[in-house]
C-alpha atoms as a PDB file:
ATOM      1  CA  MET A   1       0.000   0.000   0.000  1.00  0.00           C
ATOM      2  CA  PRO A   2       1.451   3.409  -0.924  1.00  0.00           C
ATOM      3  CA  ARG A   3       2.252   6.007   1.746  1.00  0.00           C
ATOM      4  CA  VAL A   4      -0.363   8.363   0.244  1.00  0.00           C
ATOM      5  CA  LYS A   5      -3.071   8.157  -2.411  1.00  0.00           C
ATOM      6  CA  TYR A   6      -1.998   9.437  -5.804  1.00  0.00           C
ATOM      7  CA  THR A   7      -2.863   9.548  -9.491  1.00  0.00           C
ATOM      8  CA  GLU A   8      -0.643   9.397 -12.555  1.00  0.00           C
ATOM      9  CA  SER A   9      -1.058  13.171 -12.817  1.00  0.00           C
ATOM     10  CA  ASP A  10       0.349  13.457  -9.265  1.00  0.00           C
ATOM     11  CA  VAL A  11       3.331  11.304 -10.255  1.00  0.00           C
ATOM     12  CA  ALA A  12       4.134  13.581 -13.195  1.00  0.00           C
ATOM     13  CA  LEU A  13       3.681  16.750 -11.133  1.00  0.00           C
ATOM     14  CA  MET A  14       5.846  15.469  -8.293  1.00  0.00           C
ATOM     15  CA  ALA A  15       8.486  14.249 -10.758  1.00  0.00           C
ATOM     16  CA  ARG A  16       8.676  17.744 -12.272  1.00  0.00           C
ATOM     17  CA  MET A  17       9.075  19.274  -8.811  1.00  0.00           C
ATOM     18  CA  MET A  18      11.755  16.801  -7.736  1.00  0.00           C
ATOM     19  CA  ARG A  19      13.750  17.507 -10.899  1.00  0.00           C
ATOM     20  CA  ALA A  20      13.325  21.271 -10.661  1.00  0.00           C
ATOM     21  CA  GLU A  21      14.361  21.422  -7.017  1.00  0.00           C
ATOM     22  CA  ALA A  22      17.197  18.875  -6.939  1.00  0.00           C
ATOM     23  CA  GLU A  23      18.294  17.622 -10.363  1.00  0.00           C
ATOM     24  CA  GLY A  24      21.848  18.791  -9.634  1.00  0.00           C
ATOM     25  CA  GLU A  25      21.944  16.549  -6.565  1.00  0.00           C
ATOM     26  CA  GLY A  26      21.244  13.361  -8.473  1.00  0.00           C
ATOM     27  CA  ARG A  27      18.687  10.668  -7.833  1.00  0.00           C
ATOM     28  CA  LEU A  28      19.171  10.628  -4.064  1.00  0.00           C
ATOM     29  CA  GLY A  29      18.736  14.404  -3.872  1.00  0.00           C
ATOM     30  CA  MET A  30      15.520  14.175  -5.877  1.00  0.00           C
ATOM     31  CA  LEU A  31      14.217  11.367  -3.627  1.00  0.00           C
ATOM     32  CA  LEU A  32      14.913  13.489  -0.546  1.00  0.00           C
ATOM     33  CA  VAL A  33      12.835  16.342  -2.003  1.00  0.00           C
ATOM     34  CA  GLY A  34      10.094  13.888  -2.962  1.00  0.00           C
ATOM     35  CA  ASN A  35      10.000  12.606   0.589  1.00  0.00           C
ATOM     36  CA  VAL A  36       9.448  16.135   1.945  1.00  0.00           C
ATOM     37  CA  ILE A  37       6.506  16.521  -0.453  1.00  0.00           C
ATOM     38  CA  VAL A  38       4.956  13.266   0.812  1.00  0.00           C
ATOM     39  CA  ASN A  39       5.652  14.238   4.436  1.00  0.00           C
ATOM     40  CA  ARG A  40       3.825  17.533   3.953  1.00  0.00           C
ATOM     41  CA  LEU A  41       0.801  15.709   2.597  1.00  0.00           C
ATOM     42  CA  LYS A  42       0.790  13.250   5.513  1.00  0.00           C
ATOM     43  CA  ALA A  43       1.531  15.852   8.196  1.00  0.00           C
ATOM     44  CA  ASP A  44      -1.783  17.748   8.568  1.00  0.00           C
ATOM     45  CA  CYS A  45      -0.175  20.049  11.144  1.00  0.00           C
ATOM     46  CA  LEU A  46       1.680  23.356  11.429  1.00  0.00           C
ATOM     47  CA  ASP A  47       1.861  25.032   7.993  1.00  0.00           C
ATOM     48  CA  PHE A  48       0.463  21.945   6.280  1.00  0.00           C
ATOM     49  CA  LEU A  49      -3.121  21.693   7.519  1.00  0.00           C
ATOM     50  CA  ASN A  50      -5.817  20.558   5.117  1.00  0.00           C
ATOM     51  CA  LEU A  51      -3.517  19.556   2.255  1.00  0.00           C
ATOM     52  CA  ARG A  52      -5.289  16.648   0.566  1.00  0.00           C
ATOM     53  CA  SER A  53      -3.293  15.962  -2.596  1.00  0.00           C
ATOM     54  CA  ILE A  54       0.162  16.216  -4.106  1.00  0.00           C
ATOM     55  CA  ARG A  55      -1.174  19.141  -6.147  1.00  0.00           C
ATOM     56  CA  ASP A  56      -2.242  20.919  -2.923  1.00  0.00           C
ATOM     57  CA  VAL A  57       1.287  20.510  -1.517  1.00  0.00           C
ATOM     58  CA  ILE A  58       3.115  21.680  -4.623  1.00  0.00           C
ATOM     59  CA  PHE A  59       0.898  24.702  -5.267  1.00  0.00           C
ATOM     60  CA  GLN A  60       0.498  25.707  -1.616  1.00  0.00           C
ATOM     61  CA  VAL A  61       0.813  29.449  -1.026  1.00  0.00           C
ATOM     62  CA  GLN A  62       2.352  30.700   2.215  1.00  0.00           C
ATOM     63  CA  GLY A  63       2.959  34.343   2.998  1.00  0.00           C
ATOM     64  CA  GLY A  64       1.727  35.375  -0.450  1.00  0.00           C
ATOM     65  CA  ASN A  65       4.196  33.143  -2.334  1.00  0.00           C
ATOM     66  CA  TYR A  66       4.278  29.565  -3.509  1.00  0.00           C
ATOM     67  CA  SER A  67       6.015  27.334  -0.960  1.00  0.00           C
ATOM     68  CA  PHE A  68       8.468  25.964  -3.531  1.00  0.00           C
ATOM     69  CA  GLU A  69      10.871  28.236  -5.336  1.00  0.00           C
ATOM     70  CA  ALA A  70      10.602  26.204  -8.531  1.00  0.00           C
ATOM     71  CA  VAL A  71       6.886  27.006  -8.807  1.00  0.00           C
ATOM     72  CA  GLN A  72       7.577  30.714  -8.185  1.00  0.00           C
ATOM     73  CA  LYS A  73      10.372  30.995 -10.720  1.00  0.00           C
ATOM     74  CA  GLY A  74       9.280  28.464 -13.314  1.00  0.00           C
ATOM     75  CA  ASN A  75      12.601  27.125 -14.627  1.00  0.00           C
ATOM     76  CA  VAL A  76      12.701  23.341 -14.998  1.00  0.00           C
ATOM     77  CA  PHE A  77       9.379  22.858 -13.185  1.00  0.00           C
ATOM     78  CA  TYR A  78       7.429  23.777 -16.288  1.00  0.00           C
ATOM     79  CA  GLN A  79       9.135  21.145 -18.464  1.00  0.00           C
ATOM     80  CA  ARG A  80       7.603  17.692 -18.963  1.00  0.00           C
ATOM     81  CA  ALA A  81       8.376  14.953 -16.471  1.00  0.00           C
ATOM     82  CA  ARG A  82      10.906  12.390 -17.652  1.00  0.00           C
ATOM     83  CA  ASP A  83      10.629   8.652 -17.010  1.00  0.00           C
ATOM     84  CA  VAL A  84      13.545   8.595 -14.563  1.00  0.00           C
ATOM     85  CA  GLU A  85      11.938  11.222 -12.336  1.00  0.00           C
ATOM     86  CA  LYS A  86       8.546   9.511 -12.592  1.00  0.00           C
ATOM     87  CA  ARG A  87      10.122   6.291 -11.296  1.00  0.00           C
ATOM     88  CA  LEU A  88      11.698   8.230  -8.420  1.00  0.00           C
ATOM     89  CA  ALA A  89       8.391   9.956  -7.634  1.00  0.00           C
ATOM     90  CA  ARG A  90       6.568   6.607  -7.464  1.00  0.00           C
ATOM     91  CA  LYS A  91       9.276   5.274  -5.172  1.00  0.00           C
ATOM     92  CA  ALA A  92       8.830   8.215  -2.764  1.00  0.00           C
ATOM     93  CA  LEU A  93       5.035   7.998  -2.948  1.00  0.00           C
ATOM     94  CA  ASP A  94       5.001   4.254  -2.337  1.00  0.00           C
ATOM     95  CA  TYR A  95       7.631   3.598   0.315  1.00  0.00           C
ATOM     96  CA  TRP A  96      10.934   5.494   0.199  1.00  0.00           C
ATOM     97  CA  ARG A  97      11.826   7.409   3.355  1.00  0.00           C
ATOM     98  CA  GLU A  98      15.440   8.014   4.426  1.00  0.00           C
ATOM     99  CA  HIS A  99      17.586  10.411   6.453  1.00  0.00           C
ATOM    100  CA  PRO A 100      17.972  13.409   6.357  1.00  0.00           C
ATOM    101  CA  SER A 101      14.470  13.938   4.934  1.00  0.00           C
ATOM    102  CA  LYS A 102      12.855  10.974   6.701  1.00  0.00           C
ATOM    103  CA  TYR A 103      10.703  13.250   8.894  1.00  0.00           C
ATOM    104  CA  ALA A 104      11.559  16.601   7.311  1.00  0.00           C
ATOM    105  CA  LEU A 105       8.885  19.097   6.327  1.00  0.00           C
ATOM    106  CA  TRP A 106      11.255  21.806   5.077  1.00  0.00           C
ATOM    107  CA  TYR A 107      14.461  22.113   3.107  1.00  0.00           C
ATOM    108  CA  PHE A 108      16.435  24.905   1.556  1.00  0.00           C
ATOM    109  CA  ASN A 109      19.719  25.612  -0.158  1.00  0.00           C
ATOM    110  CA  PRO A 110      21.655  28.188   1.885  1.00  0.00           C
ATOM    111  CA  TYR A 111      24.562  30.263   0.647  1.00  0.00           C
ATOM    112  CA  GLY A 112      26.714  28.852   3.444  1.00  0.00           C
ATOM    113  CA  LYS A 113      26.525  26.270   6.202  1.00  0.00           C
ATOM    114  CA  CYS A 114      23.181  24.895   7.314  1.00  0.00           C
ATOM    115  CA  PRO A 115      21.878  26.892  10.250  1.00  0.00           C
ATOM    116  CA  PRO A 116      21.013  24.762  13.309  1.00  0.00           C
ATOM    117  CA  THR A 117      17.382  25.903  13.030  1.00  0.00           C
ATOM    118  CA  TRP A 118      15.237  27.350  10.258  1.00  0.00           C
ATOM    119  CA  TYR A 119      12.013  29.122  11.211  1.00  0.00           C
ATOM    120  CA  ALA A 120      12.592  27.646  14.696  1.00  0.00           C
ATOM    121  CA  GLN A 121      12.661  24.062  13.349  1.00  0.00           C
ATOM    122  CA  PRO A 122      15.706  21.863  14.090  1.00  0.00           C
ATOM    123  CA  LEU A 123      18.183  20.728  11.447  1.00  0.00           C
ATOM    124  CA  ALA A 124      17.782  17.033  10.595  1.00  0.00           C
ATOM    125  CA  GLY A 125      20.783  16.910   8.289  1.00  0.00           C
ATOM    126  CA  GLN A 126      22.273  17.951   4.982  1.00  0.00           C
ATOM    127  CA  TYR A 127      22.672  16.310   1.604  1.00  0.00           C
ATOM    128  CA  LYS A 128      24.920  18.158  -0.822  1.00  0.00           C
ATOM    129  CA  GLN A 129      23.527  21.717  -1.031  1.00  0.00           C
ATOM    130  CA  HIS A 130      20.194  21.176   0.749  1.00  0.00           C
ATOM    131  CA  CYS A 131      19.537  21.419   4.491  1.00  0.00           C
ATOM    132  CA  TYR A 132      16.561  19.438   5.851  1.00  0.00           C
ATOM    133  CA  TYR A 133      14.480  20.427   8.877  1.00  0.00           C
ATOM    134  CA  GLU A 134      12.102  18.378  11.024  1.00  0.00           C
ATOM    135  CA  PRO A 135       9.314  19.809  13.147  1.00  0.00           C
ATOM    136  CA  GLN A 136      10.087  20.627  16.766  1.00  0.00           C
ATOM    137  CA  ALA A 137       9.339  17.810  19.190  1.00  0.00           C
ATOM    138  CA  ASN A 138       5.660  17.341  20.044  1.00  0.00           C
ATOM    139  CA  THR A 139       4.400  19.736  17.344  1.00  0.00           C
ATOM    140  CA  CYS A 140       3.578  17.366  14.488  1.00  0.00           C
ATOM    141  CA  GLU A 141       3.274  13.743  15.533  1.00  0.00           C
ATOM    142  CA  SER A 142       1.608  12.707  12.259  1.00  0.00           C
ATOM    143  CA  VAL A 143       4.842  13.169  10.298  1.00  0.00           C
ATOM    144  CA  TYR A 144       6.415  10.319  12.266  1.00  0.00           C
ATOM    145  CA  ARG A 145       3.770   7.782  11.229  1.00  0.00           C
ATOM    146  CA  TRP A 146       4.409   5.547   8.256  1.00  0.00           C
END
């Protein structure tokens, strides 16, 4: 059974996002981003209340802007999904969940070292250029469920 419900349209959309956000970090980097997307859908807490689909997660607006830079700026996000990214998206949607994004709800690419917190959330770890952040203890228990 997959981690979340999804359609083929969701797979293509998530594949485009994974590529746009982390293509330069290879397959593992794209999987890490995909896992954050799935975590946000499962979380139903903090900034991620009432998200019911992959589309809701990817096109979520916070503070007047899209949550993901790739949606704001266009770039690779608006190109078609390729088969390799679709396979990675299905993997993240179905079962894949690894450190440092295992429980992460946020990531970003800083200009320097990863800060120990980001918007008051603790650093879970870093992979190449991206820093991953988990929710503070006891603030989002649903992200820790399978």
